[in-house]
Amino acid sequence: MNRVRHDGVLVVGAGLAGLSAALEAARAGARVLVVTPEPLLSGCSSAWAQGGMAAALTAADSPVLHARDTEAAGAGLVEAEAARALTDRGRETVEWLAALGAPFDRDADGGFVVSLEAAHSVARVARVGGDGAGRAILSAVVTAVRAEKAIEVWEDARLTGLLQDETGRVVGAAVGRGGAGRRLEIVARAVVLATGGAGGLYAATTTPGALKGEGMALAALAGAEILDPEFVQFHPTAMDVGLDPAPLATEALRGEGARLIDGAGRFLLGQAADADLKPRDVVARAVHAARMQGRGAFLDARAAVGEAFPHEFPAVFAACLRSGLDPRVSPIPVMAACHYHMGGIAAEVDGRTSLAGLYAVGECAATGVHGANRLASNSLLEAAAFGRGAGRAAAAQTGGGRPRPAPRLADLPEAALAELRAAMTDHVGVVRDAAGLSGVLALIDRLEAENGPAAPLIAARLVVQAALDRRESRGGHYRSDYPETAAEARRTRVRLTQPEMLAAE
């Protein structure tokens, strides 16, 4: 295998978290190499985010109130210090992005326009063009990255393993580069994983299908601690139009007054004006139940948005039209779909993991700010705010010893992946039970025996085993056989030992 020595920081992933880390590392004086399997602005959840970025930006709000809402949504598992570290950086982060060129919506006085989303006590979500925040924000960051001479970007490299020295310190990564399957070892002073979530493990998802939890899996194989992998958030208003991934109908629609109804026009969560603005796990279960009962689930925005749809929510409107729907005259059929992974690689707010030399940011990381149920629009804030901190911390690293070869994992065939995705949606989704979870573990065993160890199977096993072990219902994790919430909130902490079947290269 060819080896490349990079005297600086290696960032794996090019969403908002990874590119924010790259910019800050470069501005701290480090040379930065960013590797990503697809062109910038492609294949990452950041670019697909519709709602916006949560931050205390008005006189009616404060970082303390924002942190309180974050903790309340997280169902007892939010780390208070991490939440406050996040919300304290809200305005600073939005203003940093605005200075880079992110075109946040502004009022006549130049202030940030904010909207209300579920489980927020006040309007605090800064938006761009109604529902285009993610792509617009990321575009501004991409422009800054391309202009930074200290940053090099490879847009054709996929992570296949982590390099460690004899002490276990992470000293680089193995990547596959180019269509011919060329493999390289990149030795670096520090590695920042920003590989995204695990939505591609599910058949019903709103995220890019390429995101299959592989960063989490490879970190786990290297010995990193994994935190709360069972907590997956299901968005209640994925558009049920037969597409993979499913288009998203942003939560901001409900913030504007759109209502969830069944096929007979009855409210799914009650008549109260704020009934549909409960935490996402509650709303997702209501949507799931209505569909399982054969009543159907629909988002009715005719009265709340109506003729304003094309300019108030252009992305949702365009997705509806592509699917033969006109949301101005018909309710949108919706379903609960995998949307965000709250668990992941255990990391501090500056990205430090349990392995020296390894940092994790964004959705692949679990910093404790989301707990069992992420507060809407906190993820873009976390990606940028904590991404910047990780970049600064990684830039200060000096490197380690001689790298050992990275283990080689199998590639999972498409047919096997499709079988896994269907089982994950059916049995590791909105509602779970021991029989379904055990069946998926048996499926993972079979697929591993047939195909060898593969990163998506390792990631799925982490999620499923932790869900089976958590015998309670909390936040995004609902067990129909254990519907009550335990009196004591406890975290799941997992460490793997490297399987003997993994042959070193």
Protein backbone atom coordinates (compact mmCIF):
# COMPACT_ATOMS: atom_id res chain seq x y z
CA MET A 1 0.00 0.00 0.00
CA ASN A 2 1.24 3.48 -0.85
CA ARG A 3 1.86 5.81 2.06
CA VAL A 4 1.47 9.61 2.09
CA ARG A 5 2.91 11.72 4.91
CA HIS A 6 0.83 14.79 5.67
CA ASP A 7 2.47 17.15 8.15
CA GLY A 8 -0.75 18.53 9.55
CA VAL A 9 -4.38 17.70 10.26
CA LEU A 10 -6.36 15.11 8.30
CA VAL A 11 -10.12 15.81 8.18
CA VAL A 12 -12.33 12.95 7.00
CA GLY A 13 -15.67 14.28 5.77
CA ALA A 14 -16.75 17.54 4.16
CA GLY A 15 -20.03 18.52 5.73
CA LEU A 16 -20.39 21.59 7.91
CA ALA A 17 -18.55 20.00 10.86
CA GLY A 18 -15.56 18.81 8.84
CA LEU A 19 -15.11 22.00 6.84
CA SER A 20 -15.51 24.20 9.94
CA ALA A 21 -12.77 22.13 11.58
CA ALA A 22 -10.59 22.47 8.47
CA LEU A 23 -10.95 26.24 8.36
CA GLU A 24 -10.10 26.71 12.02
CA ALA A 25 -7.16 24.31 11.88
CA ALA A 26 -5.75 26.20 8.90
CA ARG A 27 -6.26 29.54 10.62
CA ALA A 28 -4.46 28.13 13.66
CA GLY A 29 -1.42 27.55 11.45
CA ALA A 30 -1.79 23.90 10.46
CA ARG A 31 -1.76 22.41 7.00
CA VAL A 32 -5.02 20.56 6.40
CA LEU A 33 -5.98 17.71 4.10
CA VAL A 34 -9.72 17.08 3.69
CA VAL A 35 -10.78 13.73 2.22
CA THR A 36 -14.35 13.01 1.13
CA PRO A 37 -15.80 10.38 -1.21
CA GLU A 38 -17.94 12.85 -3.18
CA PRO A 39 -17.60 16.40 -4.50
CA LEU A 40 -18.09 19.20 -1.96
CA LEU A 41 -21.77 19.98 -1.32
CA SER A 42 -22.66 16.36 -2.19
CA GLY A 43 -23.31 13.33 -0.04
CA CYS A 44 -23.58 15.11 3.32
CA SER A 45 -26.59 15.80 5.52
CA SER A 46 -25.55 19.40 6.18
CA ALA A 47 -26.44 20.41 2.63
CA TRP A 48 -29.88 18.82 3.00
CA ALA A 49 -30.83 20.57 6.25
CA GLN A 50 -33.94 22.68 5.78
CA GLY A 51 -34.95 24.21 9.09
CA GLY A 52 -31.94 26.30 10.02
CA MET A 53 -29.59 26.93 12.93
CA ALA A 54 -30.85 27.29 16.51
CA ALA A 55 -29.27 30.11 18.51
CA ALA A 56 -30.29 32.74 21.05
CA LEU A 57 -30.48 35.76 18.73
CA THR A 58 -33.31 37.87 20.13
CA ALA A 59 -34.07 39.85 23.28
CA ALA A 60 -36.71 37.26 24.19
CA ASP A 61 -34.11 34.48 24.27
CA SER A 62 -30.87 33.63 26.05
CA PRO A 63 -28.23 30.87 25.97
CA VAL A 64 -29.55 29.71 29.35
CA LEU A 65 -33.07 29.28 28.00
CA HIS A 66 -31.74 27.56 24.88
CA ALA A 67 -29.74 25.14 27.05
CA ARG A 68 -32.80 24.48 29.21
CA ASP A 69 -34.86 23.54 26.14
CA THR A 70 -32.02 21.34 24.89
CA GLU A 71 -31.91 19.46 28.19
CA ALA A 72 -35.68 19.06 28.33
CA ALA A 73 -35.81 17.54 24.85
CA GLY A 74 -32.93 15.17 25.64
CA ALA A 75 -34.96 13.16 28.16
CA GLY A 76 -32.46 13.13 31.02
CA LEU A 77 -29.30 12.29 29.06
CA VAL A 78 -28.06 15.73 27.99
CA GLU A 79 -24.74 16.73 29.55
CA ALA A 80 -25.53 20.15 31.04
CA GLU A 81 -22.02 21.54 30.59
CA ALA A 82 -21.90 20.45 26.96
CA ALA A 83 -25.31 21.97 26.27
CA ARG A 84 -24.27 25.27 27.80
CA ALA A 85 -20.98 25.21 25.86
CA LEU A 86 -23.07 24.85 22.70
CA THR A 87 -25.70 27.48 23.41
CA ASP A 88 -23.15 30.01 24.65
CA ARG A 89 -21.60 29.91 21.19
CA GLY A 90 -24.87 30.36 19.32
CA ARG A 91 -24.72 33.99 18.29
CA GLU A 92 -20.96 33.90 17.74
CA THR A 93 -21.34 30.92 15.39
CA VAL A 94 -24.20 32.41 13.37
CA GLU A 95 -22.28 35.67 13.02
CA TRP A 96 -19.11 33.78 11.96
CA LEU A 97 -21.04 32.01 9.24
CA ALA A 98 -22.74 35.23 8.17
CA ALA A 99 -19.33 36.85 7.86
CA LEU A 100 -18.29 33.99 5.56
CA GLY A 101 -21.28 34.83 3.38
CA ALA A 102 -24.09 32.63 4.69
CA PRO A 103 -27.22 34.58 3.61
CA PHE A 104 -29.38 34.25 6.73
CA ASP A 105 -32.81 35.84 6.43
CA ARG A 106 -32.80 39.35 7.91
CA ASP A 107 -35.49 41.76 9.06
CA ALA A 108 -35.79 45.41 8.06
CA ASP A 109 -33.39 46.42 10.85
CA GLY A 110 -30.76 43.90 9.82
CA GLY A 111 -31.47 41.45 12.63
CA PHE A 112 -31.74 37.70 12.09
CA VAL A 113 -35.22 36.42 11.27
CA VAL A 114 -36.00 33.48 13.56
CA SER A 115 -38.74 30.87 13.46
CA LEU A 116 -40.33 28.52 15.99
CA GLU A 117 -39.74 24.77 15.86
CA ALA A 118 -40.87 21.88 18.01
CA ALA A 119 -39.85 21.84 21.70
CA HIS A 120 -38.32 25.34 21.54
CA SER A 121 -39.92 27.69 24.07
CA VAL A 122 -39.31 30.73 21.85
CA ALA A 123 -38.59 31.36 18.17
CA ARG A 124 -34.81 30.94 17.72
CA VAL A 125 -34.10 29.15 14.45
CA ALA A 126 -32.20 31.31 11.97
CA ARG A 127 -33.28 30.41 8.46
CA VAL A 128 -32.19 30.96 4.86
CA GLY A 129 -34.83 31.38 2.17
CA GLY A 130 -37.44 29.63 4.28
CA ASP A 131 -36.10 26.08 3.95
CA GLY A 132 -32.68 26.32 2.31
CA ALA A 133 -30.42 26.88 5.30
CA GLY A 134 -28.17 23.85 5.05
CA ARG A 135 -27.03 24.21 1.47
CA ALA A 136 -26.69 28.00 1.68
CA ILE A 137 -24.60 27.87 4.87
CA LEU A 138 -22.41 25.05 3.60
CA SER A 139 -21.90 26.83 0.27
CA ALA A 140 -20.42 29.81 2.09
CA VAL A 141 -18.06 27.56 4.05
CA VAL A 142 -17.04 25.66 0.90
CA THR A 143 -16.13 28.96 -0.77
CA ALA A 144 -13.94 29.87 2.22
CA VAL A 145 -12.28 26.44 2.21
CA ARG A 146 -11.47 26.62 -1.49
CA ALA A 147 -9.90 30.05 -0.95
CA GLU A 148 -7.71 28.86 1.95
CA LYS A 149 -4.24 27.99 0.62
CA ALA A 150 -3.40 25.81 3.64
CA ILE A 151 -6.29 23.42 2.85
CA GLU A 152 -6.09 20.66 0.24
CA VAL A 153 -9.24 18.71 -0.65
CA TRP A 154 -9.47 15.22 -2.15
CA GLU A 155 -13.00 14.67 -3.44
CA ASP A 156 -12.58 10.99 -4.33
CA ALA A 157 -11.36 9.30 -1.15
CA ARG A 158 -13.36 7.00 1.15
CA LEU A 159 -12.24 6.10 4.67
CA THR A 160 -11.42 2.39 5.07
CA GLY A 161 -9.56 2.33 8.39
CA LEU A 162 -7.61 4.22 11.03
CA LEU A 163 -3.84 3.97 11.46
CA GLN A 164 -2.47 3.58 14.99
CA ASP A 165 0.99 3.37 16.47
CA GLU A 166 2.14 0.82 19.03
CA THR A 167 0.56 2.83 21.87
CA GLY A 168 -2.85 2.96 20.19
CA ARG A 169 -2.55 6.60 19.24
CA VAL A 170 -4.30 7.42 15.95
CA VAL A 171 -1.66 8.60 13.50
CA GLY A 172 -3.56 8.65 10.23
CA ALA A 173 -6.10 6.85 8.09
CA ALA A 174 -6.36 4.37 5.24
CA VAL A 175 -8.51 5.47 2.31
CA GLY A 176 -9.66 4.06 -0.97
CA ARG A 177 -9.13 6.58 -3.73
CA GLY A 178 -10.36 6.62 -7.31
CA GLY A 179 -12.53 4.21 -9.24
CA ALA A 180 -9.79 1.61 -9.53
CA GLY A 181 -9.89 0.98 -5.78
CA ARG A 182 -6.41 2.35 -5.11
CA ARG A 183 -5.68 2.29 -1.39
CA LEU A 184 -3.50 4.79 0.44
CA GLU A 185 -2.27 5.26 3.96
CA ILE A 186 -2.20 8.91 5.05
CA VAL A 187 -0.02 9.61 8.08
CA ALA A 188 -0.99 12.82 9.90
CA ARG A 189 -0.46 14.62 13.20
CA ALA A 190 -4.17 14.34 14.06
CA VAL A 191 -7.31 12.92 12.47
CA VAL A 192 -10.71 14.61 12.66
CA LEU A 193 -13.60 12.29 11.82
CA ALA A 194 -16.61 14.14 10.41
CA THR A 195 -18.14 11.20 8.58
CA GLY A 196 -21.81 11.93 9.28
CA GLY A 197 -24.58 9.75 10.59
CA ALA A 198 -26.06 6.33 9.94
CA GLY A 199 -29.25 7.00 7.98
CA GLY A 200 -28.10 4.76 5.13
CA LEU A 201 -28.59 1.77 7.46
CA TYR A 202 -32.35 2.35 7.18
CA ALA A 203 -34.64 1.82 4.21
CA ALA A 204 -36.72 4.83 5.25
CA THR A 205 -34.35 7.76 5.71
CA THR A 206 -34.12 11.46 4.95
CA THR A 207 -30.30 11.46 4.77
CA PRO A 208 -27.85 10.53 2.00
CA GLY A 209 -27.76 6.76 1.59
CA ALA A 210 -23.95 6.74 1.63
CA LEU A 211 -23.93 7.62 5.33
CA LYS A 212 -23.92 4.21 7.00
CA GLY A 213 -22.18 4.85 10.31
CA GLU A 214 -18.82 3.72 8.95
CA GLY A 215 -16.82 6.37 10.80
CA MET A 216 -18.34 5.19 14.08
CA ALA A 217 -17.65 1.56 13.17
CA LEU A 218 -14.01 2.15 12.27
CA ALA A 219 -13.43 4.23 15.39
CA ALA A 220 -14.97 1.44 17.47
CA LEU A 221 -12.67 -1.12 15.84
CA ALA A 222 -9.72 1.07 16.78
CA GLY A 223 -10.85 0.96 20.41
CA ALA A 224 -12.66 4.29 20.73
CA GLU A 225 -15.51 4.55 23.20
CA ILE A 226 -18.97 4.66 21.60
CA LEU A 227 -21.71 6.53 23.43
CA ASP A 228 -25.48 5.84 23.29
CA PRO A 229 -25.60 4.25 19.80
CA GLU A 230 -29.23 3.13 20.30
CA PHE A 231 -30.57 6.68 20.17
CA VAL A 232 -31.72 7.40 16.63
CA GLN A 233 -34.06 10.26 15.80
CA PHE A 234 -36.91 9.67 13.38
CA HIS A 235 -38.30 12.74 11.65
CA PRO A 236 -42.10 12.66 11.70
CA THR A 237 -42.63 14.43 8.39
CA ALA A 238 -40.58 12.65 5.76
CA MET A 239 -42.60 12.75 2.56
CA ASP A 240 -44.09 9.32 1.85
CA VAL A 241 -43.78 9.42 -1.94
CA GLY A 242 -41.78 6.26 -2.65
CA LEU A 243 -38.36 7.90 -2.95
CA ASP A 244 -35.07 6.78 -1.37
CA PRO A 245 -33.99 8.90 0.43
CA ALA A 246 -37.34 10.43 1.33
CA PRO A 247 -37.71 14.20 0.79
CA LEU A 248 -38.16 16.12 4.02
CA ALA A 249 -41.03 18.43 4.88
CA THR A 250 -39.29 20.77 7.31
CA GLU A 251 -40.48 21.16 10.87
CA ALA A 252 -40.70 24.89 10.20
CA LEU A 253 -43.97 24.15 8.39
CA ARG A 254 -45.52 23.08 11.70
CA GLY A 255 -43.95 26.13 13.29
CA GLU A 256 -45.98 28.18 10.80
CA GLY A 257 -49.17 26.34 11.75
CA ALA A 258 -49.31 23.30 9.44
CA ARG A 259 -51.16 20.40 11.10
CA LEU A 260 -50.77 16.64 11.15
CA ILE A 261 -53.98 14.81 10.24
CA ASP A 262 -55.08 11.32 9.25
CA GLY A 263 -56.88 10.30 6.10
CA ALA A 264 -60.22 11.34 7.58
CA GLY A 265 -58.94 14.80 8.46
CA ARG A 266 -58.67 14.16 12.21
CA PHE A 267 -55.77 15.71 14.16
CA LEU A 268 -53.11 13.15 15.07
CA LEU A 269 -52.04 14.82 18.31
CA GLY A 270 -55.10 16.83 19.30
CA GLN A 271 -56.74 20.15 18.43
CA ALA A 272 -54.51 22.48 20.49
CA ALA A 273 -52.61 24.95 18.32
CA ASP A 274 -49.24 23.70 19.60
CA ALA A 275 -50.14 20.00 19.69
CA ASP A 276 -47.89 19.20 16.72
CA LEU A 277 -44.88 20.98 18.25
CA LYS A 278 -44.11 18.35 20.86
CA PRO A 279 -40.62 16.73 20.88
CA ARG A 280 -39.87 14.76 17.74
CA ASP A 281 -40.07 11.34 19.35
CA VAL A 282 -43.66 12.01 20.47
CA VAL A 283 -44.73 13.30 17.08
CA ALA A 284 -42.93 10.50 15.23
CA ARG A 285 -44.74 7.83 17.25
CA ALA A 286 -48.09 9.47 16.51
CA VAL A 287 -47.36 9.47 12.78
CA HIS A 288 -46.09 5.88 12.92
CA ALA A 289 -49.18 4.70 14.85
CA ALA A 290 -51.59 6.33 12.41
CA ARG A 291 -49.90 4.63 9.47
CA MET A 292 -49.74 1.24 11.20
CA GLN A 293 -53.47 1.52 12.01
CA GLY A 294 -54.25 2.15 8.36
CA ARG A 295 -55.46 5.71 8.97
CA GLY A 296 -52.61 7.34 7.07
CA ALA A 297 -50.66 10.43 8.10
CA PHE A 298 -50.60 13.76 6.29
CA LEU A 299 -49.18 17.23 6.82
CA ASP A 300 -51.82 19.80 5.99
CA ALA A 301 -50.27 23.19 5.19
CA ARG A 302 -53.09 24.50 3.00
CA ALA A 303 -54.37 27.05 5.49
CA ALA A 304 -51.08 27.84 7.24
CA VAL A 305 -48.96 28.36 4.11
CA GLY A 306 -51.17 27.94 1.07
CA GLU A 307 -50.29 30.21 -1.85
CA ALA A 308 -47.11 31.37 -0.11
CA PHE A 309 -45.53 27.92 -0.54
CA PRO A 310 -43.37 28.67 -3.62
CA HIS A 311 -41.47 31.53 -1.98
CA GLU A 312 -41.76 30.66 1.73
CA PHE A 313 -40.72 26.98 1.40
CA PRO A 314 -39.29 26.57 -2.10
CA ALA A 315 -37.39 23.33 -1.45
CA VAL A 316 -40.42 21.51 -0.03
CA PHE A 317 -42.64 22.94 -2.75
CA ALA A 318 -40.28 21.73 -5.48
CA ALA A 319 -40.05 18.26 -3.92
CA CYS A 320 -43.84 18.06 -3.81
CA LEU A 321 -44.21 19.06 -7.45
CA ARG A 322 -41.61 16.47 -8.51
CA SER A 323 -43.75 13.84 -6.79
CA GLY A 324 -46.98 15.00 -8.41
CA LEU A 325 -48.27 16.83 -5.33
CA ASP A 326 -49.41 20.43 -4.89
CA PRO A 327 -49.23 21.27 -1.16
CA ARG A 328 -51.30 24.39 -1.73
CA VAL A 329 -54.34 22.24 -2.48
CA SER A 330 -53.59 18.80 -0.99
CA PRO A 331 -52.11 17.54 2.29
CA ILE A 332 -48.65 15.94 2.02
CA PRO A 333 -48.46 12.20 2.86
CA VAL A 334 -45.80 11.72 5.52
CA MET A 335 -44.02 8.99 7.46
CA ALA A 336 -41.46 8.79 10.24
CA ALA A 337 -38.00 8.15 8.79
CA CYS A 338 -34.46 7.93 10.15
CA HIS A 339 -33.14 11.47 10.33
CA TYR A 340 -30.33 11.86 12.88
CA HIS A 341 -28.07 9.68 15.03
CA MET A 342 -27.75 11.10 18.53
CA GLY A 343 -25.24 8.42 19.51
CA GLY A 344 -21.78 7.95 18.08
CA ILE A 345 -18.11 8.30 18.95
CA ALA A 346 -17.82 9.65 22.49
CA ALA A 347 -16.23 13.10 22.21
CA GLU A 348 -15.61 16.21 24.25
CA VAL A 349 -16.88 19.57 23.04
CA ASP A 350 -13.49 20.18 21.38
CA GLY A 351 -13.78 16.87 19.55
CA ARG A 352 -11.31 14.87 21.65
CA THR A 353 -12.16 11.17 21.79
CA SER A 354 -10.92 8.41 24.07
CA LEU A 355 -8.09 7.73 21.58
CA ALA A 356 -5.13 10.11 21.46
CA GLY A 357 -4.82 11.80 18.09
CA LEU A 358 -8.45 11.18 17.12
CA TYR A 359 -11.18 13.83 17.07
CA ALA A 360 -14.83 13.42 16.14
CA VAL A 361 -17.31 16.15 15.22
CA GLY A 362 -20.79 16.46 13.80
CA GLU A 363 -23.24 13.60 13.59
CA CYS A 364 -20.65 10.83 13.93
CA ALA A 365 -19.76 12.22 17.37
CA ALA A 366 -21.71 12.00 20.61
CA THR A 367 -20.82 15.02 22.74
CA GLY A 368 -23.75 14.75 25.14
CA VAL A 369 -25.63 17.78 23.79
CA HIS A 370 -28.45 15.77 22.18
CA GLY A 371 -29.07 13.14 24.84
CA ALA A 372 -31.90 10.78 23.94
CA ASN A 373 -33.68 13.21 21.61
CA ARG A 374 -32.08 16.06 19.64
CA LEU A 375 -33.69 19.48 19.88
CA ALA A 376 -34.62 20.65 16.38
CA SER A 377 -31.95 22.66 14.50
CA ASN A 378 -29.28 22.17 17.16
CA SER A 379 -27.25 19.95 14.81
CA LEU A 380 -26.06 22.65 12.41
CA LEU A 381 -25.04 24.76 15.40
CA GLU A 382 -23.14 21.86 16.93
CA ALA A 383 -21.43 21.06 13.61
CA ALA A 384 -20.07 24.57 13.16
CA ALA A 385 -19.42 25.51 16.80
CA PHE A 386 -17.79 22.27 17.94
CA GLY A 387 -16.20 21.71 14.52
CA ARG A 388 -14.29 24.97 14.92
CA GLY A 389 -13.11 23.96 18.38
CA ALA A 390 -11.96 20.56 17.15
CA GLY A 391 -9.99 22.19 14.36
CA ARG A 392 -8.13 24.40 16.81
CA ALA A 393 -7.42 21.49 19.16
CA ALA A 394 -6.25 19.18 16.36
CA ALA A 395 -3.93 21.87 14.99
CA ALA A 396 -1.98 21.79 18.27
CA GLN A 397 -1.18 18.06 18.01
CA THR A 398 2.37 16.94 17.26
CA GLY A 399 1.84 13.41 15.97
CA GLY A 400 2.80 9.96 17.16
CA GLY A 401 4.90 6.91 16.41
CA ARG A 402 5.23 4.56 13.48
CA PRO A 403 1.87 3.44 12.10
CA ARG A 404 0.78 -0.17 12.14
CA PRO A 405 -1.18 -1.53 9.16
CA ALA A 406 -4.92 -0.87 9.22
CA PRO A 407 -7.27 -3.88 9.29
CA ARG A 408 -9.07 -4.67 6.05
CA LEU A 409 -12.86 -4.84 6.09
CA ALA A 410 -15.17 -6.49 3.59
CA ASP A 411 -17.41 -4.58 1.22
CA LEU A 412 -21.10 -5.31 1.77
CA PRO A 413 -22.92 -6.28 -1.45
CA GLU A 414 -25.95 -4.21 -2.44
CA ALA A 415 -28.38 -7.10 -1.90
CA ALA A 416 -27.09 -7.65 1.63
CA LEU A 417 -27.25 -3.94 2.40
CA ALA A 418 -30.85 -3.79 1.15
CA GLU A 419 -31.79 -6.68 3.44
CA LEU A 420 -30.16 -4.96 6.39
CA ARG A 421 -31.84 -1.61 5.64
CA ALA A 422 -35.30 -3.16 5.46
CA ALA A 423 -34.81 -4.99 8.76
CA MET A 424 -33.50 -1.85 10.48
CA THR A 425 -36.56 0.18 9.44
CA ASP A 426 -38.98 -2.60 10.39
CA HIS A 427 -37.48 -3.57 13.75
CA VAL A 428 -35.01 -0.88 14.90
CA GLY A 429 -37.19 2.08 14.02
CA VAL A 430 -39.76 4.18 15.84
CA VAL A 431 -41.08 1.23 17.87
CA ARG A 432 -38.83 -1.63 18.98
CA ASP A 433 -39.14 -4.87 20.93
CA ALA A 434 -36.89 -7.74 21.99
CA ALA A 435 -38.10 -10.16 19.32
CA GLY A 436 -37.50 -7.73 16.47
CA LEU A 437 -34.12 -6.58 17.77
CA SER A 438 -32.94 -10.15 18.33
CA GLY A 439 -34.01 -11.03 14.81
CA VAL A 440 -31.92 -8.20 13.37
CA LEU A 441 -28.88 -9.33 15.37
CA ALA A 442 -29.34 -12.80 13.88
CA LEU A 443 -29.53 -11.25 10.42
CA ILE A 444 -26.30 -9.31 11.05
CA ASP A 445 -24.62 -12.57 12.16
CA ARG A 446 -25.71 -14.27 8.92
CA LEU A 447 -24.67 -11.39 6.67
CA GLU A 448 -21.30 -11.24 8.39
CA ALA A 449 -20.80 -14.99 7.96
CA GLU A 450 -21.70 -14.73 4.27
CA ASN A 451 -19.77 -11.58 3.42
CA GLY A 452 -17.17 -11.02 6.11
CA PRO A 453 -17.00 -8.12 8.56
CA ALA A 454 -18.15 -4.87 6.94
CA ALA A 455 -18.37 -1.41 8.47
CA PRO A 456 -22.17 -1.06 7.97
CA LEU A 457 -22.71 -4.36 9.80
CA ILE A 458 -20.49 -3.26 12.69
CA ALA A 459 -22.35 0.06 12.91
CA ALA A 460 -25.73 -1.65 12.80
CA ARG A 461 -24.71 -4.12 15.50
CA LEU A 462 -23.70 -1.27 17.78
CA VAL A 463 -27.13 0.33 17.39
CA VAL A 464 -29.15 -2.89 17.68
CA GLN A 465 -27.30 -4.45 20.61
CA ALA A 466 -27.53 -1.24 22.63
CA ALA A 467 -31.24 -0.98 21.82
CA LEU A 468 -31.78 -4.54 22.99
CA ASP A 469 -29.84 -3.90 26.19
CA ARG A 470 -31.76 -0.70 27.03
CA ARG A 471 -34.89 -2.11 28.68
CA GLU A 472 -36.83 1.11 28.95
CA SER A 473 -38.27 3.79 26.67
CA ARG A 474 -36.51 7.14 26.58
CA GLY A 475 -36.50 9.84 23.92
CA GLY A 476 -36.02 8.42 20.44
CA HIS A 477 -35.69 4.86 21.80
CA TYR A 478 -39.15 3.33 22.36
CA ARG A 479 -39.58 -0.28 23.45
CA SER A 480 -43.16 -1.56 23.21
CA ASP A 481 -42.20 -4.33 25.65
CA TYR A 482 -40.64 -1.81 28.08
CA PRO A 483 -42.79 1.31 27.58
CA GLU A 484 -41.90 2.99 30.87
CA THR A 485 -38.95 5.32 31.44
CA ALA A 486 -36.50 4.18 34.13
CA ALA A 487 -36.19 6.39 37.18
CA GLU A 488 -32.44 6.72 36.67
CA ALA A 489 -31.12 7.99 33.35
CA ARG A 490 -28.02 6.02 32.39
CA ARG A 491 -25.73 6.20 29.40
CA THR A 492 -24.61 3.35 27.17
CA ARG A 493 -20.83 3.16 26.82
CA VAL A 494 -19.36 0.56 24.48
CA ARG A 495 -15.80 -0.46 23.65
CA LEU A 496 -15.01 -3.20 21.12
CA THR A 497 -11.98 -5.39 20.88
CA GLN A 498 -10.78 -5.87 17.33
CA PRO A 499 -12.22 -9.13 15.95
CA GLU A 500 -9.64 -11.80 15.17
CA MET A 501 -11.16 -12.25 11.70
CA LEU A 502 -9.86 -8.85 10.61
CA ALA A 503 -6.63 -9.41 8.75
CA ALA A 504 -4.09 -6.59 8.77
CA GLU A 505 -2.98 -5.38 5.38
